[in-house]
Structures are given as C-alpha cells and as structure tokens.
Amino acid sequence: MNLNEMLIYADIQHINKIVDHYQCQCDRHSKTEMIQSIIYTLFQNKTLEEMIDQLTDIERTFVQLLYLDSRTKYTIEDLLAKGKQAIELQQSNEKPREIVLTALKKGWIFQGVGKKHLLIYLVPEDLKKKILQSLIRKLQKQVFVKEEIPFYRDEIDLLFSDLLTFLNTILKEDIYLTNEGNIYKRQQYAIFQSFIIPEEPLKRQAFRFGYGRRYDEYPDRFSLLYDYAYYQKWIDEGEKGFLGLTTLGIQWVERSHQRMKESKKLYQFWVRLYKHPIPFLPLIVRFIDLMSYQQWVRLDHLQELTLFWLKDHYYEKKEQIFQERIIKMMLHLGLIQLGNDDGIPFLRVTEEGHHWINDFESFEAKEIVY
C-alpha cells in the first residue's frame, strides 16, 4: 500500500504525531486535511532532502535496514531486531524501541492487522521508493561513475554451462572419491580444465571453512557449483567410492535447456548459503544493484561504502570478503560485469542480475548451513 492508503486507515493519534513532527499547517479537526498536508509535506523534494540530511547516524542506518529490505510488512520483533542491528553498527546506547517509535512518528511505518488479527507494521511503498532514491542519489555523489567502459568481463550463464559440463562428465566417466568423499586432485584438475572458467585444485592450506559443504576441499566457484548439485540431489557420493548421478540428476541433464531459470536458482542458492557468514549479504547485494544498475561505478569507491555492512569473519578481513566472497561470486553468477578503464576497475549490474535481485525475497530466505 502507498502512504495515502495507510494514512486513511491510521488512527487519529498516529496522524497527529506525524503532523506534529513535520509541523504541518492544517486543520487538526479534519482528518482529511491532515492527511493531505502530510502527503504534500513528505513528497516535496525539498522536505525529503532536508529530512534525510537531518537524520542521525543511527536513524540513517535504521532506515537503510528497513528500506533496503524487500519486505513491506514486519512484526514488532522484526523491527526491534533491526533497531538492535542499527545500535550495534553505530555502537550507540539508544534503545531499539525508541528507534521504532521514531520511525512511527516520521511515517516510515504504520500499524496494521495481519493474519489471525496479529499486529503487524507496514511500509508505505511509494515513500520507501522516494526515500531510497534520495539516499542513493546522495551516496552516488561519493562514487565516480562512467556511462561506458570499452573492455569488460561478463560471465552470464557460464556457471550454468560448467554445471552441465560437470554433470555430463559424471555421466560419462568414473569419478573416484577419497575416503573423505572428495574428488581426487588429478580428476579435479581434468574437470576444471574442461570448464569455460577454469580453476586450479586447492593447495593444502589451513582455515578454509564457512562457505559451503565442500568449501574446505574445492576452489570457490566449483565449491558453489558442487554444493548446488548436491543440494538439488543430482549427485550421489556413493559408498563404492565414486561420484554418480542420481535419477533426478539424469533427468535434469536431459532437460537442461531451461537456462535462465537455473541461473536464477544458482543465485538464490548462493545468497542462502553465504548469508550465514555474511549476515547483511541480501542488503549488500540490493545496495550494489541500486548503486550500479545501468551505470559503471568505480569498484574501490563502492567498496568504501559497502564495508560498513561487513565485519571480519574469522581468518578473513572484510575487504577480502567484499572482493572474494561477494564481488567475485556475483561475477561468476552473472549478476555483474567487471570492467577496466586505464587500470581502474569498474562494476555494473547486468539486466538479468537486476531482475533476479529484485524478484527474490532474499531477506526472508532461509539460510543453508552445513
């Protein structure tokens, strides 16, 4: 619902609080006039820009947590959790409930009634869009953008193609497994070299965990591809010591012409798998989309803005997480293109990536944890 609809259903006390906050000039005895005054005030570009400029750090963080989320309705527990996140990110002493009350007073959320008459909180979709646009415009002033880049890398659908190659290899050859259930390094090398985007088997190293079931044994891209095939029950790590295709796997290979559908599912799987070690991953992906859809954004400038939402994860620094776990994997998944201009890296979200990001309820998607 939009702001005008929510104001119609809002109780008079809530409307009065919004009128008081924005100092609207109107007849307090007329609900209709108060509603019109609120809408007129809030949707003036000047008022909106001033409101965003005057936000405290914790309010700005909370409104980004609220509006970069794809959801339009929340429970009070959801809102208090976001308030707590904003407090932790800003290292503030405020209380989550105070932040939620501020959001109500400013008209960012409204009370409503959900299923079984439970109280929920709704986001006005038109106001959300306007505030996000204003926030992104201000942030885009901090990054260097270009309309065109002469040379760039695009891997759209290549992960899908290599997944199909991998499953066909299992179908045609005996793939032997170690006692730990891993493909022998010699065969790993042969498989990886058959891919459009080849990788190298991992050299023995410590502290590699957190991003999938076989992440400790396989390189990043293949680890995701392998875990996805296992999750879909297409492959079977048989007791006889070799990797085989299941009946479901054989059926998928036979109908693998459904290219776009599977590439989108690979993206959704990646979000669910990686959001456990990277809690704000759905927000970061949405932010990257808003900042760099239909334009090339300088990558190091985008990194500076994004690091706020990241923290070190055991052995990895947040800069490495941004580059290796987010940007590199978004490229492999076809969400972004990476370009280069005079030695400076730039990023742009693809058309397919833009649609996948906005069509997936990634904030509510259940994590996959191994």
Protein backbone atom coordinates (compact mmCIF):
# COMPACT_ATOMS: atom_id res chain seq x y z
CA MET A 1 0.00 0.00 0.00
CA ASN A 2 1.01 3.60 -0.55
CA LEU A 3 1.22 6.37 2.03
CA ASN A 4 -2.23 7.86 1.33
CA GLU A 5 -3.91 4.48 1.85
CA MET A 6 -2.08 3.88 5.11
CA LEU A 7 -2.99 7.32 6.41
CA ILE A 8 -6.67 6.67 5.68
CA TYR A 9 -6.61 3.56 7.86
CA ALA A 10 -4.29 5.01 10.54
CA ASP A 11 -5.76 6.08 13.88
CA ILE A 12 -6.03 9.78 14.60
CA GLN A 13 -3.37 9.70 17.34
CA HIS A 14 -0.76 8.39 14.91
CA ILE A 15 -1.71 11.00 12.32
CA ASN A 16 -1.44 13.75 14.94
CA LYS A 17 2.06 12.61 15.88
CA ILE A 18 3.18 12.76 12.24
CA VAL A 19 1.58 16.23 11.84
CA ASP A 20 3.39 17.40 14.99
CA HIS A 21 6.73 16.05 13.82
CA TYR A 22 6.63 17.73 10.41
CA GLN A 23 4.85 20.83 11.76
CA CYS A 24 2.18 20.59 9.08
CA GLN A 25 -0.08 23.62 8.76
CA CYS A 26 -3.62 22.20 8.70
CA ASP A 27 -6.95 21.98 10.49
CA ARG A 28 -6.48 19.48 13.33
CA HIS A 29 -10.25 18.81 13.38
CA SER A 30 -10.21 17.45 9.81
CA LYS A 31 -8.56 14.04 9.26
CA THR A 32 -8.77 14.57 5.51
CA GLU A 33 -6.93 17.88 5.69
CA MET A 34 -4.25 16.41 7.98
CA ILE A 35 -3.70 13.52 5.56
CA GLN A 36 -3.41 15.87 2.59
CA SER A 37 -0.98 18.06 4.50
CA ILE A 38 1.25 15.09 5.45
CA ILE A 39 1.36 13.83 1.87
CA TYR A 40 2.09 17.28 0.49
CA THR A 41 4.85 17.86 3.07
CA LEU A 42 6.53 14.47 2.75
CA PHE A 43 6.53 14.34 -1.03
CA GLN A 44 8.08 17.73 -1.53
CA ASN A 45 11.60 17.02 -2.73
CA LYS A 46 12.98 19.83 -0.59
CA THR A 47 11.34 18.45 2.57
CA LEU A 48 12.50 14.93 1.82
CA GLU A 49 16.08 16.02 1.16
CA GLU A 50 16.13 18.09 4.36
CA MET A 51 14.70 15.18 6.35
CA ILE A 52 17.43 12.83 5.10
CA ASP A 53 20.15 15.44 5.74
CA GLN A 54 18.93 15.81 9.32
CA LEU A 55 18.89 12.09 10.11
CA THR A 56 21.17 10.97 12.91
CA ASP A 57 23.65 8.21 12.06
CA ILE A 58 21.54 5.62 13.81
CA GLU A 59 18.34 6.79 12.07
CA ARG A 60 20.05 6.64 8.68
CA THR A 61 21.29 3.13 9.43
CA PHE A 62 17.85 2.01 10.59
CA VAL A 63 16.05 3.44 7.56
CA GLN A 64 18.51 1.66 5.26
CA LEU A 65 17.98 -1.61 7.14
CA LEU A 66 14.24 -1.03 6.81
CA TYR A 67 14.02 0.12 3.20
CA LEU A 68 16.81 -1.89 1.54
CA ASP A 69 14.91 -4.93 2.76
CA SER A 70 12.49 -6.18 0.12
CA ARG A 71 9.73 -6.81 2.66
CA THR A 72 6.79 -4.42 3.08
CA LYS A 73 5.49 -5.76 6.39
CA TYR A 74 7.13 -6.65 9.68
CA THR A 75 6.35 -7.94 13.14
CA ILE A 76 7.41 -5.84 16.12
CA GLU A 77 10.15 -8.42 16.72
CA ASP A 78 11.48 -7.81 13.19
CA LEU A 79 11.61 -4.06 13.80
CA LEU A 80 13.25 -4.38 17.21
CA ALA A 81 15.85 -6.69 15.66
CA LYS A 82 16.62 -4.06 13.03
CA GLY A 83 16.81 -1.44 15.75
CA LYS A 84 19.30 -3.61 17.64
CA GLN A 85 21.36 -4.08 14.46
CA ALA A 86 21.47 -0.31 13.90
CA ILE A 87 22.58 0.21 17.51
CA GLU A 88 25.35 -2.36 17.18
CA LEU A 89 26.56 -0.98 13.85
CA GLN A 90 26.68 2.57 15.23
CA GLN A 91 27.84 1.50 18.72
CA SER A 92 25.04 3.55 20.23
CA ASN A 93 23.38 3.48 23.64
CA GLU A 94 19.88 4.02 22.29
CA LYS A 95 17.09 1.51 22.84
CA PRO A 96 15.57 -0.44 19.90
CA ARG A 97 12.06 0.55 20.98
CA GLU A 98 12.96 4.25 20.80
CA ILE A 99 14.12 3.82 17.21
CA VAL A 100 10.86 2.08 16.26
CA LEU A 101 8.82 4.87 17.89
CA THR A 102 10.80 7.43 15.87
CA ALA A 103 10.02 5.50 12.68
CA LEU A 104 6.31 5.59 13.52
CA LYS A 105 6.43 9.31 14.31
CA LYS A 106 8.12 10.03 10.97
CA GLY A 107 5.63 7.94 8.99
CA TRP A 108 8.19 5.36 7.86
CA ILE A 109 5.97 2.53 9.17
CA PHE A 110 2.31 2.11 10.12
CA GLN A 111 0.46 -0.32 12.31
CA GLY A 112 -1.79 -2.82 10.60
CA VAL A 113 -3.53 -6.13 11.23
CA GLY A 114 -2.25 -9.35 9.72
CA LYS A 115 -3.41 -12.95 9.76
CA LYS A 116 -5.23 -14.15 12.87
CA HIS A 117 -5.64 -10.45 13.83
CA LEU A 118 -1.98 -10.17 14.81
CA LEU A 119 -0.42 -6.71 14.89
CA ILE A 120 1.98 -6.03 12.02
CA TYR A 121 3.83 -2.97 10.76
CA LEU A 122 3.54 -1.88 7.14
CA VAL A 123 5.91 0.12 4.94
CA PRO A 124 4.39 2.73 2.59
CA GLU A 125 5.74 1.61 -0.77
CA ASP A 126 5.76 5.00 -2.50
CA LEU A 127 7.50 6.69 0.43
CA LYS A 128 10.02 3.83 0.60
CA LYS A 129 10.82 4.34 -3.09
CA LYS A 130 11.23 8.12 -2.70
CA ILE A 131 13.46 7.86 0.38
CA LEU A 132 15.63 5.15 -1.20
CA GLN A 133 16.05 7.21 -4.36
CA SER A 134 17.12 10.21 -2.30
CA LEU A 135 19.54 8.17 -0.18
CA ILE A 136 21.11 6.55 -3.24
CA ARG A 137 21.45 9.90 -5.03
CA LYS A 138 23.40 11.26 -2.07
CA LEU A 139 25.62 8.17 -1.89
CA GLN A 140 26.25 8.21 -5.64
CA LYS A 141 27.86 11.62 -5.22
CA GLN A 142 30.61 9.80 -3.29
CA VAL A 143 31.48 7.45 -6.17
CA PHE A 144 32.90 8.01 -9.65
CA VAL A 145 30.65 6.68 -12.44
CA LYS A 146 31.00 6.22 -16.18
CA GLU A 147 28.36 5.52 -18.81
CA GLU A 148 30.58 3.27 -20.93
CA ILE A 149 33.64 1.09 -20.39
CA PRO A 150 35.46 -0.22 -23.50
CA PHE A 151 36.50 -3.60 -22.07
CA TYR A 152 34.66 -5.69 -19.52
CA ARG A 153 34.16 -9.25 -18.33
CA ASP A 154 30.71 -10.86 -18.36
CA GLU A 155 30.11 -14.44 -17.15
CA ILE A 156 26.33 -14.62 -17.55
CA ASP A 157 25.23 -18.28 -17.77
CA LEU A 158 28.81 -19.61 -17.74
CA LEU A 159 28.34 -21.16 -14.29
CA PHE A 160 25.25 -22.93 -15.63
CA SER A 161 27.24 -24.17 -18.64
CA ASP A 162 30.02 -25.52 -16.43
CA LEU A 163 27.48 -27.16 -14.13
CA LEU A 164 26.10 -29.00 -17.15
CA THR A 165 29.65 -29.97 -18.21
CA PHE A 166 30.34 -31.32 -14.72
CA LEU A 167 27.19 -33.46 -14.64
CA ASN A 168 27.84 -34.79 -18.16
CA THR A 169 31.37 -35.72 -17.07
CA ILE A 170 29.96 -37.73 -14.15
CA LEU A 171 27.53 -39.38 -16.56
CA LYS A 172 30.26 -40.45 -18.97
CA GLU A 173 33.25 -41.16 -16.70
CA ASP A 174 34.04 -42.80 -13.37
CA ILE A 175 34.82 -40.04 -10.86
CA TYR A 176 36.66 -41.54 -7.91
CA LEU A 177 36.38 -40.24 -4.35
CA THR A 178 38.81 -40.28 -1.45
CA ASN A 179 37.86 -41.77 1.90
CA GLU A 180 36.73 -38.26 2.91
CA GLY A 181 34.35 -38.10 -0.06
CA ASN A 182 36.38 -35.68 -2.19
CA ILE A 183 37.29 -35.97 -5.86
CA TYR A 184 40.95 -36.91 -6.35
CA LYS A 185 43.13 -33.94 -7.27
CA ARG A 186 44.11 -35.42 -10.64
CA GLN A 187 40.49 -35.70 -11.70
CA GLN A 188 39.68 -32.32 -10.20
CA TYR A 189 42.29 -30.78 -12.48
CA ALA A 190 40.83 -32.50 -15.57
CA ILE A 191 37.29 -31.42 -14.69
CA PHE A 192 38.29 -27.82 -14.00
CA GLN A 193 40.20 -27.57 -17.29
CA SER A 194 37.06 -28.63 -19.18
CA PHE A 195 35.18 -25.61 -17.83
CA ILE A 196 34.72 -22.30 -19.62
CA ILE A 197 36.06 -20.64 -16.44
CA PRO A 198 38.82 -22.99 -15.23
CA GLU A 199 40.15 -23.16 -11.68
CA GLU A 200 43.06 -24.91 -10.00
CA PRO A 201 42.74 -27.57 -7.30
CA LEU A 202 43.47 -26.14 -3.87
CA LYS A 203 46.93 -26.43 -2.45
CA ARG A 204 46.84 -27.69 1.11
CA GLN A 205 46.04 -24.79 3.41
CA ALA A 206 44.50 -24.24 6.82
CA PHE A 207 41.48 -22.23 7.93
CA ARG A 208 39.21 -22.68 4.93
CA PHE A 209 35.59 -23.03 6.06
CA GLY A 210 32.26 -21.27 6.33
CA TYR A 211 31.06 -21.03 2.72
CA GLY A 212 29.64 -24.42 1.92
CA ARG A 213 29.69 -28.14 2.48
CA ARG A 214 32.80 -28.86 0.36
CA TYR A 215 34.36 -25.40 0.56
CA ASP A 216 37.33 -26.75 2.52
CA GLU A 217 38.32 -29.04 -0.38
CA TYR A 218 37.33 -27.27 -3.60
CA PRO A 219 38.04 -23.77 -5.02
CA ASP A 220 35.35 -21.11 -4.61
CA ARG A 221 33.45 -21.37 -7.89
CA PHE A 222 33.45 -25.17 -8.12
CA SER A 223 32.59 -25.45 -4.44
CA LEU A 224 29.38 -23.48 -5.07
CA LEU A 225 28.59 -25.46 -8.21
CA TYR A 226 29.21 -28.80 -6.45
CA ASP A 227 27.21 -27.86 -3.34
CA TYR A 228 24.31 -26.74 -5.52
CA ALA A 229 24.24 -30.06 -7.41
CA TYR A 230 24.38 -31.94 -4.09
CA TYR A 231 21.63 -29.78 -2.58
CA GLN A 232 19.40 -30.48 -5.59
CA LYS A 233 20.06 -34.22 -5.09
CA TRP A 234 21.54 -34.53 -8.58
CA ILE A 235 24.77 -36.20 -7.45
CA ASP A 236 25.42 -39.10 -5.10
CA GLU A 237 28.65 -39.65 -3.17
CA GLY A 238 28.28 -43.41 -3.40
CA GLU A 239 29.51 -45.89 -0.84
CA LYS A 240 31.55 -47.66 -3.54
CA GLY A 241 33.97 -44.76 -3.71
CA PHE A 242 32.86 -42.90 -6.79
CA LEU A 243 30.59 -39.98 -7.65
CA GLY A 244 27.41 -40.75 -9.56
CA LEU A 245 24.35 -39.04 -10.95
CA THR A 246 21.00 -39.70 -9.32
CA THR A 247 17.82 -40.25 -11.31
CA LEU A 248 16.97 -36.60 -10.65
CA GLY A 249 20.41 -35.58 -11.96
CA ILE A 250 19.98 -37.54 -15.18
CA GLN A 251 16.53 -36.04 -15.70
CA TRP A 252 17.92 -32.52 -15.19
CA VAL A 253 20.71 -33.06 -17.73
CA GLU A 254 18.11 -34.19 -20.25
CA ARG A 255 16.02 -31.02 -19.79
CA SER A 256 18.87 -28.59 -19.17
CA HIS A 257 17.62 -26.21 -21.87
CA GLN A 258 15.91 -24.27 -19.03
CA ARG A 259 18.93 -21.98 -18.88
CA MET A 260 17.62 -18.74 -17.35
CA LYS A 261 15.59 -20.50 -14.70
CA GLU A 262 18.61 -22.45 -13.41
CA SER A 263 20.97 -19.45 -13.45
CA LYS A 264 18.47 -17.59 -11.27
CA LYS A 265 18.25 -20.56 -8.89
CA LEU A 266 22.04 -20.66 -8.60
CA TYR A 267 21.98 -17.03 -7.47
CA GLN A 268 19.28 -17.75 -4.89
CA PHE A 269 21.24 -20.73 -3.57
CA TRP A 270 24.38 -18.58 -3.22
CA VAL A 271 22.53 -15.98 -1.13
CA ARG A 272 21.10 -18.63 1.18
CA LEU A 273 24.49 -20.37 1.54
CA TYR A 274 26.60 -17.24 2.06
CA LYS A 275 24.22 -15.17 4.23
CA HIS A 276 25.17 -17.20 7.32
CA PRO A 277 28.82 -15.99 7.33
CA ILE A 278 27.78 -12.65 5.74
CA PRO A 279 24.57 -11.64 7.61
CA PHE A 280 23.95 -8.44 5.60
CA LEU A 281 24.54 -10.10 2.22
CA PRO A 282 20.95 -9.53 0.94
CA LEU A 283 21.20 -5.85 1.87
CA ILE A 284 24.65 -5.50 0.26
CA VAL A 285 23.50 -7.12 -2.99
CA ARG A 286 20.46 -4.84 -3.09
CA PHE A 287 22.68 -1.82 -2.38
CA ILE A 288 25.08 -2.76 -5.18
CA ASP A 289 22.13 -3.08 -7.54
CA LEU A 290 20.78 0.36 -6.64
CA MET A 291 24.20 1.97 -6.97
CA SER A 292 25.37 0.35 -10.19
CA TYR A 293 22.43 -0.70 -12.35
CA GLN A 294 22.74 0.83 -15.85
CA GLN A 295 25.98 2.63 -14.99
CA TRP A 296 29.60 1.74 -14.30
CA VAL A 297 30.69 2.51 -10.74
CA ARG A 298 34.30 2.63 -9.62
CA LEU A 299 34.81 -0.53 -7.59
CA ASP A 300 37.07 0.85 -4.86
CA HIS A 301 34.58 3.67 -4.18
CA LEU A 302 31.75 1.15 -3.93
CA GLN A 303 33.85 -0.95 -1.56
CA GLU A 304 34.37 2.02 0.76
CA LEU A 305 30.60 2.46 1.12
CA THR A 306 29.89 -1.25 1.49
CA LEU A 307 32.47 -2.11 4.16
CA PHE A 308 30.20 -0.51 6.77
CA TRP A 309 27.93 -3.57 6.47
CA LEU A 310 30.75 -6.11 6.76
CA LYS A 311 32.91 -7.39 9.56
CA ASP A 312 35.91 -9.71 9.67
CA HIS A 313 34.95 -13.38 9.59
CA TYR A 314 37.45 -15.48 11.50
CA TYR A 315 40.50 -15.63 9.19
CA GLU A 316 39.19 -13.21 6.56
CA LYS A 317 39.30 -9.42 6.64
CA LYS A 318 36.17 -7.61 5.49
CA GLU A 319 37.99 -6.21 2.43
CA GLN A 320 38.72 -9.78 1.33
CA ILE A 321 35.11 -10.78 1.98
CA PHE A 322 33.90 -7.94 -0.24
CA GLN A 323 36.27 -8.77 -3.10
CA GLU A 324 36.39 -12.58 -2.94
CA ARG A 325 33.10 -13.70 -1.42
CA ILE A 326 30.78 -11.05 -2.85
CA ILE A 327 32.14 -9.35 -5.98
CA LYS A 328 33.92 -12.37 -7.46
CA MET A 329 30.94 -14.63 -6.85
CA MET A 330 28.47 -12.06 -8.22
CA LEU A 331 30.56 -12.02 -11.41
CA HIS A 332 30.56 -15.84 -11.64
CA LEU A 333 26.79 -15.86 -11.12
CA GLY A 334 26.19 -13.34 -13.90
CA LEU A 335 24.86 -10.63 -11.60
CA ILE A 336 27.53 -8.10 -12.53
CA GLN A 337 30.08 -7.20 -15.17
CA LEU A 338 33.60 -6.08 -14.27
CA GLY A 339 35.30 -3.51 -16.47
CA ASN A 340 38.61 -1.72 -16.55
CA ASP A 341 39.42 1.81 -17.60
CA ASP A 342 43.06 2.93 -17.51
CA GLY A 343 43.82 0.26 -14.92
CA ILE A 344 40.91 1.25 -12.66
CA PRO A 345 38.25 -1.46 -12.02
CA PHE A 346 34.56 -0.64 -12.51
CA LEU A 347 31.39 -2.62 -11.86
CA ARG A 348 27.94 -2.70 -13.47
CA VAL A 349 24.87 -4.82 -12.62
CA THR A 350 23.55 -6.85 -15.58
CA GLU A 351 19.94 -6.75 -16.77
CA GLU A 352 19.45 -10.36 -15.66
CA GLY A 353 21.11 -9.66 -12.32
CA HIS A 354 18.88 -6.65 -11.70
CA HIS A 355 15.75 -8.74 -12.24
CA TRP A 356 16.98 -11.69 -10.18
CA ILE A 357 17.92 -9.45 -7.26
CA ASN A 358 14.54 -7.70 -7.26
CA ASP A 359 12.45 -10.83 -7.83
CA PHE A 360 13.87 -12.76 -4.86
CA GLU A 361 12.75 -12.32 -1.24
CA SER A 362 16.35 -12.77 -0.10
CA PHE A 363 15.86 -11.24 3.35
CA GLU A 364 13.30 -13.87 4.29
CA ALA A 365 15.04 -16.78 2.53
CA LYS A 366 16.15 -19.48 4.92
CA GLU A 367 19.89 -19.90 5.36
CA ILE A 368 21.59 -23.09 4.23
CA VAL A 369 24.10 -24.12 6.88
CA TYR A 370 26.43 -27.12 6.66
